């Protein structure tokens, strides 16, 4: 395991986050790569789309693997005057402490919005802090870990 995954695992233990950190010898950067590594359908995965609001706040849109996040919907849900923009890989690392492609659904300061379709699954796989790690957890545990707001934020 690399330092990012170790850091996330320590966070999970320290904060009582229910879930299992999984490490792979292959990339899990994309949903397709992650689904191949696990041997599960893409619908079992969530992706964390990091956005930056005009006031600099980090907003993370958690959507199912086959969906895309809508910046307009995110802006509307949060009552923002301007829709947020997608964060750059450097901003993601700086604001979350984790690399793009491995960003978890919890474990750092952000406004978390979870698309309602994520709750349809019994179990989801999310970024595990590293491009070679995933977290397997129930959606209710994901919400407990990130204190997210459930809303329709997909395109």
Foldseek 3Di string as FASTA:
>chain_A
DDPQLVVLVVLCVVVVQDWDKDFAPDFQLALVRVCVRVVHDQQQAWEWFWWAAPVGAIETEIEGRVWAFAQVLVCVVVVGPDRTGTDDQVVCCVQQVAGRSQGFLADGDHAYEYEPSLQVDQWHWYRSRYRRMIIIDGVVSSCVRHVYHYDHGTD
